[in-house]
Amino acid sequence: MQLELVDDKDRERILGPHKRVMRWIDDTKNATRPHFDEVHSVLYKVKEKLQSQRAVGETRKNVLPPKM
C-alpha cells in the first residue's frame, strides 16, 4: 500500500496496466474495511502533507532569484 503515497498520476502509470492488481487492492480494502482505513489513516495524512510540501516547492521554483 506504499503506492498510496505517490501522486495519483504516478500510481495510475505504475498500476494502470495491471488491472488484476488494482482489483486485488480494491478487494483487500473492501474486505478489511473499516480496519484498513483506520490503520492507513496515517499514510493518508502523510500523503496530504507531502502533496502540500510539493506544491509549496513548485511555487518557490517559479519565483525569480534576487539580482545581486
PDB file of N, CA and C in Angstrom:
ATOM      1  N   MET A   1       0.814  -1.181   0.000  1.00  0.00           N
ATOM      2  CA  MET A   1       0.000   0.000   0.000  1.00  0.00           C
ATOM      3  C   MET A   1       0.865   1.255   0.000  1.00  0.00           C
ATOM      4  N   GLN A   2       2.151   1.090  -0.148  1.00  0.00           N
ATOM      5  CA  GLN A   2       3.032   2.242  -0.199  1.00  0.00           C
ATOM      6  C   GLN A   2       2.765   3.099  -1.423  1.00  0.00           C
ATOM      7  N   LEU A   3       2.157   2.526  -2.435  1.00  0.00           N
ATOM      8  CA  LEU A   3       1.838   3.308  -3.622  1.00  0.00           C
ATOM      9  C   LEU A   3       0.750   4.337  -3.347  1.00  0.00           C
ATOM     10  N   GLU A   4       0.143   4.275  -2.189  1.00  0.00           N
ATOM     11  CA  GLU A   4      -0.827   5.296  -1.810  1.00  0.00           C
ATOM     12  C   GLU A   4      -0.140   6.646  -1.615  1.00  0.00           C
ATOM     13  N   LEU A   5       1.163   6.641  -1.375  1.00  0.00           N
ATOM     14  CA  LEU A   5       1.882   7.884  -1.113  1.00  0.00           C
ATOM     15  C   LEU A   5       2.279   8.635  -2.376  1.00  0.00           C
ATOM     16  N   VAL A   6       2.361   7.957  -3.493  1.00  0.00           N
ATOM     17  CA  VAL A   6       2.781   8.637  -4.721  1.00  0.00           C
ATOM     18  C   VAL A   6       1.608   9.404  -5.315  1.00  0.00           C
ATOM     19  N   ASP A   7       1.926  10.317  -6.235  1.00  0.00           N
ATOM     20  CA  ASP A   7       0.874  11.070  -6.916  1.00  0.00           C
ATOM     21  C   ASP A   7      -0.084  10.120  -7.615  1.00  0.00           C
ATOM     22  N   ASP A   8      -1.311  10.567  -7.758  1.00  0.00           N
ATOM     23  CA  ASP A   8      -2.313   9.741  -8.436  1.00  0.00           C
ATOM     24  C   ASP A   8      -1.894   9.446  -9.872  1.00  0.00           C
ATOM     25  N   LYS A   9      -1.246  10.415 -10.504  1.00  0.00           N
ATOM     26  CA  LYS A   9      -0.785  10.229 -11.881  1.00  0.00           C
ATOM     27  C   LYS A   9       0.263   9.120 -11.946  1.00  0.00           C
ATOM     28  N   ASP A  10       1.210   9.136 -11.025  1.00  0.00           N
ATOM     29  CA  ASP A  10       2.252   8.109 -10.996  1.00  0.00           C
ATOM     30  C   ASP A  10       1.676   6.748 -10.606  1.00  0.00           C
ATOM     31  N   ARG A  11       0.753   6.757  -9.685  1.00  0.00           N
ATOM     32  CA  ARG A  11       0.119   5.499  -9.261  1.00  0.00           C
ATOM     33  C   ARG A  11      -0.617   4.862 -10.433  1.00  0.00           C
ATOM     34  N   GLU A  12      -1.322   5.682 -11.193  1.00  0.00           N
ATOM     35  CA  GLU A  12      -2.037   5.166 -12.362  1.00  0.00           C
ATOM     36  C   GLU A  12      -1.062   4.662 -13.420  1.00  0.00           C
ATOM     37  N   ARG A  13       0.059   5.355 -13.577  1.00  0.00           N
ATOM     38  CA  ARG A  13       1.066   4.936 -14.557  1.00  0.00           C
ATOM     39  C   ARG A  13       1.657   3.582 -14.172  1.00  0.00           C
ATOM     40  N   ILE A  14       1.894   3.383 -12.880  1.00  0.00           N
ATOM     41  CA  ILE A  14       2.507   2.140 -12.408  1.00  0.00           C
ATOM     42  C   ILE A  14       1.506   0.989 -12.424  1.00  0.00           C
ATOM     43  N   LEU A  15       0.317   1.242 -11.904  1.00  0.00           N
ATOM     44  CA  LEU A  15      -0.659   0.163 -11.754  1.00  0.00           C
ATOM     45  C   LEU A  15      -1.640   0.056 -12.914  1.00  0.00           C
ATOM     46  N   GLY A  16      -1.721   1.065 -13.752  1.00  0.00           N
ATOM     47  CA  GLY A  16      -2.697   1.085 -14.835  1.00  0.00           C
ATOM     48  C   GLY A  16      -2.722  -0.163 -15.692  1.00  0.00           C
ATOM     49  N   PRO A  17      -1.568  -0.640 -16.144  1.00  0.00           N
ATOM     50  CA  PRO A  17      -1.577  -1.833 -16.987  1.00  0.00           C
ATOM     51  C   PRO A  17      -1.911  -3.122 -16.230  1.00  0.00           C
ATOM     52  N   HIS A  18      -1.953  -3.067 -14.931  1.00  0.00           N
ATOM     53  CA  HIS A  18      -2.143  -4.274 -14.115  1.00  0.00           C
ATOM     54  C   HIS A  18      -3.519  -4.240 -13.450  1.00  0.00           C
ATOM     55  N   LYS A  19      -4.540  -4.484 -14.234  1.00  0.00           N
ATOM     56  CA  LYS A  19      -5.925  -4.394 -13.750  1.00  0.00           C
ATOM     57  C   LYS A  19      -6.213  -5.410 -12.642  1.00  0.00           C
ATOM     58  N   ARG A  20      -5.600  -6.577 -12.722  1.00  0.00           N
ATOM     59  CA  ARG A  20      -5.836  -7.589 -11.686  1.00  0.00           C
ATOM     60  C   ARG A  20      -5.268  -7.143 -10.342  1.00  0.00           C
ATOM     61  N   VAL A  21      -4.127  -6.468 -10.374  1.00  0.00           N
ATOM     62  CA  VAL A  21      -3.527  -5.969  -9.127  1.00  0.00           C
ATOM     63  C   VAL A  21      -4.414  -4.877  -8.538  1.00  0.00           C
ATOM     64  N   MET A  22      -4.895  -3.984  -9.384  1.00  0.00           N
ATOM     65  CA  MET A  22      -5.776  -2.916  -8.904  1.00  0.00           C
ATOM     66  C   MET A  22      -7.062  -3.496  -8.315  1.00  0.00           C
ATOM     67  N   ARG A  23      -7.604  -4.515  -8.949  1.00  0.00           N
ATOM     68  CA  ARG A  23      -8.816  -5.161  -8.447  1.00  0.00           C
ATOM     69  C   ARG A  23      -8.527  -5.841  -7.106  1.00  0.00           C
ATOM     70  N   TRP A  24      -7.345  -6.465  -6.982  1.00  0.00           N
ATOM     71  CA  TRP A  24      -6.963  -7.116  -5.728  1.00  0.00           C
ATOM     72  C   TRP A  24      -6.838  -6.086  -4.603  1.00  0.00           C
ATOM     73  N   ILE A  25      -6.239  -4.930  -4.903  1.00  0.00           N
ATOM     74  CA  ILE A  25      -6.098  -3.873  -3.897  1.00  0.00           C
ATOM     75  C   ILE A  25      -7.477  -3.410  -3.434  1.00  0.00           C
ATOM     76  N   ASP A  26      -8.371  -3.168  -4.379  1.00  0.00           N
ATOM     77  CA  ASP A  26      -9.726  -2.738  -4.017  1.00  0.00           C
ATOM     78  C   ASP A  26     -10.460  -3.806  -3.215  1.00  0.00           C
ATOM     79  N   ASP A  27     -10.318  -5.064  -3.612  1.00  0.00           N
ATOM     80  CA  ASP A  27     -10.958  -6.157  -2.877  1.00  0.00           C
ATOM     81  C   ASP A  27     -10.420  -6.250  -1.451  1.00  0.00           C
ATOM     82  N   THR A  28      -9.112  -6.061  -1.298  1.00  0.00           N
ATOM     83  CA  THR A  28      -8.493  -6.103   0.032  1.00  0.00           C
ATOM     84  C   THR A  28      -9.007  -4.964   0.899  1.00  0.00           C
ATOM     85  N   LYS A  29      -9.083  -3.762   0.323  1.00  0.00           N
ATOM     86  CA  LYS A  29      -9.614  -2.615   1.068  1.00  0.00           C
ATOM     87  C   LYS A  29     -11.041  -2.891   1.528  1.00  0.00           C
ATOM     88  N   ASN A  30     -11.859  -3.381   0.622  1.00  0.00           N
ATOM     89  CA  ASN A  30     -13.267  -3.627   0.953  1.00  0.00           C
ATOM     90  C   ASN A  30     -13.432  -4.750   1.973  1.00  0.00           C
ATOM     91  N   ALA A  31     -12.621  -5.779   1.878  1.00  0.00           N
ATOM     92  CA  ALA A  31     -12.740  -6.918   2.789  1.00  0.00           C
ATOM     93  C   ALA A  31     -12.282  -6.580   4.201  1.00  0.00           C
ATOM     94  N   THR A  32     -11.355  -5.660   4.331  1.00  0.00           N
ATOM     95  CA  THR A  32     -10.795  -5.350   5.647  1.00  0.00           C
ATOM     96  C   THR A  32     -11.284  -4.014   6.199  1.00  0.00           C
ATOM     97  N   ARG A  33     -12.194  -3.374   5.502  1.00  0.00           N
ATOM     98  CA  ARG A  33     -12.744  -2.108   5.961  1.00  0.00           C
ATOM     99  C   ARG A  33     -13.576  -2.349   7.203  1.00  0.00           C
ATOM    100  N   PRO A  34     -13.608  -1.602   8.227  1.00  0.00           N
ATOM    101  CA  PRO A  34     -13.035  -0.291   8.469  1.00  0.00           C
ATOM    102  C   PRO A  34     -11.619  -0.340   9.033  1.00  0.00           C
ATOM    103  N   HIS A  35     -11.112  -1.530   9.285  1.00  0.00           N
ATOM    104  CA  HIS A  35      -9.778  -1.654   9.880  1.00  0.00           C
ATOM    105  C   HIS A  35      -8.703  -1.124   8.936  1.00  0.00           C
ATOM    106  N   PHE A  36      -8.858  -1.377   7.659  1.00  0.00           N
ATOM    107  CA  PHE A  36      -7.891  -0.899   6.674  1.00  0.00           C
ATOM    108  C   PHE A  36      -7.787   0.620   6.745  1.00  0.00           C
ATOM    109  N   ASP A  37      -8.925   1.296   6.744  1.00  0.00           N
ATOM    110  CA  ASP A  37      -8.931   2.760   6.780  1.00  0.00           C
ATOM    111  C   ASP A  37      -8.320   3.288   8.075  1.00  0.00           C
ATOM    112  N   GLU A  38      -8.599   2.614   9.166  1.00  0.00           N
ATOM    113  CA  GLU A  38      -8.061   3.047  10.457  1.00  0.00           C
ATOM    114  C   GLU A  38      -6.537   2.951  10.477  1.00  0.00           C
ATOM    115  N   VAL A  39      -6.019   1.845  10.003  1.00  0.00           N
ATOM    116  CA  VAL A  39      -4.571   1.630  10.020  1.00  0.00           C
ATOM    117  C   VAL A  39      -3.871   2.542   9.013  1.00  0.00           C
ATOM    118  N   HIS A  40      -4.485   2.732   7.860  1.00  0.00           N
ATOM    119  CA  HIS A  40      -3.841   3.508   6.809  1.00  0.00           C
ATOM    120  C   HIS A  40      -4.134   5.004   6.891  1.00  0.00           C
ATOM    121  N   SER A  41      -4.857   5.433   7.902  1.00  0.00           N
ATOM    122  CA  SER A  41      -5.140   6.863   8.038  1.00  0.00           C
ATOM    123  C   SER A  41      -3.851   7.665   8.180  1.00  0.00           C
ATOM    124  N   VAL A  42      -2.846   7.081   8.808  1.00  0.00           N
ATOM    125  CA  VAL A  42      -1.550   7.759   8.940  1.00  0.00           C
ATOM    126  C   VAL A  42      -0.929   7.962   7.560  1.00  0.00           C
ATOM    127  N   LEU A  43      -0.998   6.949   6.709  1.00  0.00           N
ATOM    128  CA  LEU A  43      -0.462   7.088   5.350  1.00  0.00           C
ATOM    129  C   LEU A  43      -1.178   8.187   4.583  1.00  0.00           C
ATOM    130  N   TYR A  44      -2.478   8.269   4.740  1.00  0.00           N
ATOM    131  CA  TYR A  44      -3.237   9.289   4.025  1.00  0.00           C
ATOM    132  C   TYR A  44      -2.847  10.690   4.497  1.00  0.00           C
ATOM    133  N   LYS A  45      -2.587  10.845   5.793  1.00  0.00           N
ATOM    134  CA  LYS A  45      -2.152  12.139   6.323  1.00  0.00           C
ATOM    135  C   LYS A  45      -0.777  12.502   5.786  1.00  0.00           C
ATOM    136  N   VAL A  46       0.123  11.527   5.717  1.00  0.00           N
ATOM    137  CA  VAL A  46       1.462  11.767   5.176  1.00  0.00           C
ATOM    138  C   VAL A  46       1.370  12.156   3.707  1.00  0.00           C
ATOM    139  N   LYS A  47       0.492  11.505   2.974  1.00  0.00           N
ATOM    140  CA  LYS A  47       0.317  11.820   1.554  1.00  0.00           C
ATOM    141  C   LYS A  47      -0.133  13.267   1.382  1.00  0.00           C
ATOM    142  N   GLU A  48      -1.102  13.700   2.180  1.00  0.00           N
ATOM    143  CA  GLU A  48      -1.574  15.079   2.106  1.00  0.00           C
ATOM    144  C   GLU A  48      -0.449  16.059   2.421  1.00  0.00           C
ATOM    145  N   LYS A  49       0.342  15.736   3.436  1.00  0.00           N
ATOM    146  CA  LYS A  49       1.439  16.619   3.826  1.00  0.00           C
ATOM    147  C   LYS A  49       2.492  16.694   2.723  1.00  0.00           C
ATOM    148  N   LEU A  50       2.834  15.564   2.125  1.00  0.00           N
ATOM    149  CA  LEU A  50       3.809  15.550   1.038  1.00  0.00           C
ATOM    150  C   LEU A  50       3.303  16.324  -0.171  1.00  0.00           C
ATOM    151  N   GLN A  51       2.024  16.194  -0.481  1.00  0.00           N
ATOM    152  CA  GLN A  51       1.466  16.923  -1.611  1.00  0.00           C
ATOM    153  C   GLN A  51       1.493  18.423  -1.365  1.00  0.00           C
ATOM    154  N   SER A  52       1.200  18.849  -0.146  1.00  0.00           N
ATOM    155  CA  SER A  52       1.233  20.281   0.146  1.00  0.00           C
ATOM    156  C   SER A  52       2.661  20.805   0.112  1.00  0.00           C
ATOM    157  N   GLN A  53       3.622  20.025   0.610  1.00  0.00           N
ATOM    158  CA  GLN A  53       5.021  20.438   0.545  1.00  0.00           C
ATOM    159  C   GLN A  53       5.499  20.509  -0.894  1.00  0.00           C
ATOM    160  N   ARG A  54       5.070  19.561  -1.711  1.00  0.00           N
ATOM    161  CA  ARG A  54       5.439  19.546  -3.115  1.00  0.00           C
ATOM    162  C   ARG A  54       4.872  20.779  -3.824  1.00  0.00           C
ATOM    163  N   ALA A  55       3.649  21.154  -3.478  1.00  0.00           N
ATOM    164  CA  ALA A  55       3.014  22.322  -4.087  1.00  0.00           C
ATOM    165  C   ALA A  55       3.749  23.596  -3.691  1.00  0.00           C
ATOM    166  N   VAL A  56       4.163  23.693  -2.437  1.00  0.00           N
ATOM    167  CA  VAL A  56       4.920  24.859  -1.978  1.00  0.00           C
ATOM    168  C   VAL A  56       6.271  24.910  -2.679  1.00  0.00           C
ATOM    169  N   GLY A  57       6.904  23.772  -2.846  1.00  0.00           N
ATOM    170  CA  GLY A  57       8.196  23.711  -3.529  1.00  0.00           C
ATOM    171  C   GLY A  57       8.091  24.136  -4.977  1.00  0.00           C
ATOM    172  N   GLU A  58       7.007  23.793  -5.641  1.00  0.00           N
ATOM    173  CA  GLU A  58       6.820  24.181  -7.036  1.00  0.00           C
ATOM    174  C   GLU A  58       6.605  25.679  -7.160  1.00  0.00           C
ATOM    175  N   THR A  59       5.909  26.288  -6.213  1.00  0.00           N
ATOM    176  CA  THR A  59       5.691  27.729  -6.292  1.00  0.00           C
ATOM    177  C   THR A  59       6.989  28.473  -6.018  1.00  0.00           C
ATOM    178  N   ARG A  60       7.836  27.916  -5.189  1.00  0.00           N
ATOM    179  CA  ARG A  60       9.123  28.560  -4.918  1.00  0.00           C
ATOM    180  C   ARG A  60      10.044  28.507  -6.129  1.00  0.00           C
ATOM    181  N   LYS A  61       9.924  27.466  -6.937  1.00  0.00           N
ATOM    182  CA  LYS A  61      10.749  27.353  -8.133  1.00  0.00           C
ATOM    183  C   LYS A  61      10.395  28.430  -9.144  1.00  0.00           C
ATOM    184  N   ASN A  62       9.150  28.879  -9.129  1.00  0.00           N
ATOM    185  CA  ASN A  62       8.695  29.868 -10.090  1.00  0.00           C
ATOM    186  C   ASN A  62       9.102  31.284  -9.717  1.00  0.00           C
ATOM    187  N   VAL A  63       9.551  31.500  -8.492  1.00  0.00           N
ATOM    188  CA  VAL A  63       9.964  32.822  -8.039  1.00  0.00           C
ATOM    189  C   VAL A  63      11.371  33.098  -8.556  1.00  0.00           C
ATOM    190  N   LEU A  64      11.550  34.287  -9.120  1.00  0.00           N
ATOM    191  CA  LEU A  64      12.870  34.648  -9.637  1.00  0.00           C
ATOM    192  C   LEU A  64      13.830  34.940  -8.491  1.00  0.00           C
ATOM    193  N   PRO A  65      15.085  34.538  -8.626  1.00  0.00           N
ATOM    194  CA  PRO A  65      16.067  34.851  -7.581  1.00  0.00           C
ATOM    195  C   PRO A  65      16.402  36.343  -7.618  1.00  0.00           C
ATOM    196  N   PRO A  66      16.758  36.916  -6.464  1.00  0.00           N
ATOM    197  CA  PRO A  66      17.082  38.346  -6.440  1.00  0.00           C
ATOM    198  C   PRO A  66      18.370  38.626  -7.206  1.00  0.00           C
ATOM    199  N   LYS A  67      18.435  39.826  -7.798  1.00  0.00           N
ATOM    200  CA  LYS A  67      19.644  40.226  -8.524  1.00  0.00           C
ATOM    201  C   LYS A  67      20.666  40.726  -7.526  1.00  0.00           C
ATOM    202  N   MET A  68      21.907  40.426  -7.789  1.00  0.00           N
ATOM    203  CA  MET A  68      22.967  40.875  -6.888  1.00  0.00           C
ATOM    204  C   MET A  68      23.716  42.002  -7.499  1.00  0.00           C
TER     205      MET A  68
END
